[in-house]
């Protein structure tokens, strides 16, 4: 087993409205900005009928700082006002992980 240090996952699950103009551009911009935040570790996303985005962070403080990022606050406001019918955010501590990869 590789040397593992616990980290945090923010799981953002959502359903969208029909008004999605500008959504993809904003999602890409938020990913680019998140990558520049201290403590950012990565992201996985699937967007279709239900959108699921999981971002990975070193600490709860790093997550708090991302939530307070000015451009992220603007995107949150736009999402509530235009893009989302519903969303849910879960913050989890990842204690262990494993994977399978076909060669």
C-alpha atoms as a PDB file:
ATOM      1  CA  UNK A   1       0.000   0.000   0.000  1.00  0.00           C
ATOM      2  CA  UNK A   2       1.314   3.422  -0.903  1.00  0.00           C
ATOM      3  CA  UNK A   3       2.032   6.000   1.769  1.00  0.00           C
ATOM      4  CA  UNK A   4      -1.415   7.502   2.409  1.00  0.00           C
ATOM      5  CA  UNK A   5      -2.302  10.745   4.139  1.00  0.00           C
ATOM      6  CA  UNK A   6      -6.032  11.349   4.802  1.00  0.00           C
ATOM      7  CA  UNK A   7      -7.615  14.216   2.886  1.00  0.00           C
ATOM      8  CA  UNK A   8     -11.055  15.720   2.334  1.00  0.00           C
ATOM      9  CA  UNK A   9     -13.585  15.397  -0.469  1.00  0.00           C
ATOM     10  CA  UNK A  10     -16.303  17.933  -1.233  1.00  0.00           C
ATOM     11  CA  UNK A  11     -19.137  16.197  -3.072  1.00  0.00           C
ATOM     12  CA  UNK A  12     -21.389  18.613  -4.971  1.00  0.00           C
ATOM     13  CA  UNK A  13     -24.510  16.972  -6.413  1.00  0.00           C
ATOM     14  CA  UNK A  14     -26.990  19.035  -8.435  1.00  0.00           C
ATOM     15  CA  UNK A  15     -29.825  19.173 -10.926  1.00  0.00           C
ATOM     16  CA  UNK A  16     -29.916  22.005 -13.437  1.00  0.00           C
ATOM     17  CA  UNK A  17     -32.558  24.348 -14.726  1.00  0.00           C
ATOM     18  CA  UNK A  18     -33.102  24.772 -18.457  1.00  0.00           C
ATOM     19  CA  UNK A  19     -31.173  28.076 -18.281  1.00  0.00           C
ATOM     20  CA  UNK A  20     -27.646  26.714 -18.649  1.00  0.00           C
ATOM     21  CA  UNK A  21     -26.166  29.447 -20.846  1.00  0.00           C
ATOM     22  CA  UNK A  22     -22.672  30.155 -19.545  1.00  0.00           C
ATOM     23  CA  UNK A  23     -22.670  27.180 -17.158  1.00  0.00           C
ATOM     24  CA  UNK A  24     -19.925  25.149 -18.868  1.00  0.00           C
ATOM     25  CA  UNK A  25     -17.679  28.171 -19.126  1.00  0.00           C
ATOM     26  CA  UNK A  26     -18.181  28.973 -15.441  1.00  0.00           C
ATOM     27  CA  UNK A  27     -17.595  25.335 -14.404  1.00  0.00           C
ATOM     28  CA  UNK A  28     -14.311  25.305 -16.343  1.00  0.00           C
ATOM     29  CA  UNK A  29     -13.291  28.661 -14.849  1.00  0.00           C
ATOM     30  CA  UNK A  30     -14.053  27.451 -11.303  1.00  0.00           C
ATOM     31  CA  UNK A  31     -11.942  24.341 -11.887  1.00  0.00           C
ATOM     32  CA  UNK A  32      -9.035  26.489 -13.136  1.00  0.00           C
ATOM     33  CA  UNK A  33      -9.297  28.818 -10.130  1.00  0.00           C
ATOM     34  CA  UNK A  34      -9.638  25.917  -7.672  1.00  0.00           C
ATOM     35  CA  UNK A  35      -6.394  24.447  -9.028  1.00  0.00           C
ATOM     36  CA  UNK A  36      -4.641  27.627  -7.884  1.00  0.00           C
ATOM     37  CA  UNK A  37      -6.026  27.443  -4.318  1.00  0.00           C
ATOM     38  CA  UNK A  38      -3.676  26.266  -1.600  1.00  0.00           C
ATOM     39  CA  UNK A  39      -4.601  22.776  -0.470  1.00  0.00           C
ATOM     40  CA  UNK A  40      -6.311  21.756  -3.724  1.00  0.00           C
ATOM     41  CA  UNK A  41      -5.624  18.129  -4.681  1.00  0.00           C
ATOM     42  CA  UNK A  42      -7.861  17.375  -7.678  1.00  0.00           C
ATOM     43  CA  UNK A  43     -11.366  16.984  -9.099  1.00  0.00           C
ATOM     44  CA  UNK A  44     -13.664  14.386 -10.678  1.00  0.00           C
ATOM     45  CA  UNK A  45     -16.914  15.385 -12.397  1.00  0.00           C
ATOM     46  CA  UNK A  46     -19.832  13.823 -14.251  1.00  0.00           C
ATOM     47  CA  UNK A  47     -22.566  16.040 -15.597  1.00  0.00           C
ATOM     48  CA  UNK A  48     -25.682  14.699 -17.254  1.00  0.00           C
ATOM     49  CA  UNK A  49     -29.142  14.428 -15.700  1.00  0.00           C
ATOM     50  CA  UNK A  50     -27.608  14.720 -12.244  1.00  0.00           C
ATOM     51  CA  UNK A  51     -24.338  16.589 -11.932  1.00  0.00           C
ATOM     52  CA  UNK A  52     -21.746  15.224  -9.548  1.00  0.00           C
ATOM     53  CA  UNK A  53     -18.484  17.007  -8.884  1.00  0.00           C
ATOM     54  CA  UNK A  54     -16.008  15.799  -6.270  1.00  0.00           C
ATOM     55  CA  UNK A  55     -13.091  18.059  -5.399  1.00  0.00           C
ATOM     56  CA  UNK A  56     -10.233  16.980  -3.150  1.00  0.00           C
ATOM     57  CA  UNK A  57      -8.542  19.124  -0.504  1.00  0.00           C
ATOM     58  CA  UNK A  58      -5.750  18.812   2.054  1.00  0.00           C
ATOM     59  CA  UNK A  59      -7.729  20.297   4.945  1.00  0.00           C
ATOM     60  CA  UNK A  60     -11.009  21.784   6.139  1.00  0.00           C
ATOM     61  CA  UNK A  61      -9.317  25.209   6.140  1.00  0.00           C
ATOM     62  CA  UNK A  62      -8.487  24.815   2.441  1.00  0.00           C
ATOM     63  CA  UNK A  63     -12.162  24.027   1.751  1.00  0.00           C
ATOM     64  CA  UNK A  64     -13.274  27.044   3.794  1.00  0.00           C
ATOM     65  CA  UNK A  65     -10.904  29.292   1.838  1.00  0.00           C
ATOM     66  CA  UNK A  66     -12.228  27.946  -1.484  1.00  0.00           C
ATOM     67  CA  UNK A  67     -15.835  28.554  -0.407  1.00  0.00           C
ATOM     68  CA  UNK A  68     -14.913  32.177   0.433  1.00  0.00           C
ATOM     69  CA  UNK A  69     -13.050  32.816  -2.861  1.00  0.00           C
ATOM     70  CA  UNK A  70     -14.600  35.926  -4.457  1.00  0.00           C
ATOM     71  CA  UNK A  71     -15.036  34.416  -7.919  1.00  0.00           C
ATOM     72  CA  UNK A  72     -16.397  31.206  -6.411  1.00  0.00           C
ATOM     73  CA  UNK A  73     -18.916  33.258  -4.380  1.00  0.00           C
ATOM     74  CA  UNK A  74     -20.062  34.889  -7.640  1.00  0.00           C
ATOM     75  CA  UNK A  75     -20.447  31.462  -9.290  1.00  0.00           C
ATOM     76  CA  UNK A  76     -22.446  30.200  -6.280  1.00  0.00           C
ATOM     77  CA  UNK A  77     -24.789  33.176  -6.531  1.00  0.00           C
ATOM     78  CA  UNK A  78     -25.225  32.683 -10.281  1.00  0.00           C
ATOM     79  CA  UNK A  79     -25.886  28.979  -9.739  1.00  0.00           C
ATOM     80  CA  UNK A  80     -28.635  29.620  -7.183  1.00  0.00           C
ATOM     81  CA  UNK A  81     -30.146  32.359  -9.338  1.00  0.00           C
ATOM     82  CA  UNK A  82     -29.971  30.681 -12.738  1.00  0.00           C
ATOM     83  CA  UNK A  83     -28.432  27.218 -13.154  1.00  0.00           C
ATOM     84  CA  UNK A  84     -29.606  24.947 -10.331  1.00  0.00           C
ATOM     85  CA  UNK A  85     -32.989  23.598  -9.298  1.00  0.00           C
ATOM     86  CA  UNK A  86     -31.331  21.815  -6.391  1.00  0.00           C
ATOM     87  CA  UNK A  87     -27.915  21.026  -4.996  1.00  0.00           C
ATOM     88  CA  UNK A  88     -26.375  19.273  -2.033  1.00  0.00           C
ATOM     89  CA  UNK A  89     -22.841  19.592  -0.655  1.00  0.00           C
ATOM     90  CA  UNK A  90     -21.197  16.889   1.430  1.00  0.00           C
ATOM     91  CA  UNK A  91     -17.772  17.240   3.019  1.00  0.00           C
ATOM     92  CA  UNK A  92     -16.101  13.936   3.843  1.00  0.00           C
ATOM     93  CA  UNK A  93     -12.777  12.832   5.259  1.00  0.00           C
ATOM     94  CA  UNK A  94     -11.122  10.205   3.069  1.00  0.00           C
ATOM     95  CA  UNK A  95      -9.411   7.719   5.353  1.00  0.00           C
ATOM     96  CA  UNK A  96      -8.459   5.168   2.723  1.00  0.00           C
ATOM     97  CA  UNK A  97      -8.560   4.684  -1.029  1.00  0.00           C
ATOM     98  CA  UNK A  98      -7.796   2.016  -3.585  1.00  0.00           C
ATOM     99  CA  UNK A  99      -8.155   1.603  -7.324  1.00  0.00           C
ATOM    100  CA  UNK A 100      -8.144  -0.876 -10.163  1.00  0.00           C
ATOM    101  CA  UNK A 101      -6.418  -0.153 -13.461  1.00  0.00           C
ATOM    102  CA  UNK A 102      -6.381  -2.476 -16.444  1.00  0.00           C
ATOM    103  CA  UNK A 103      -2.971  -2.553 -18.125  1.00  0.00           C
END
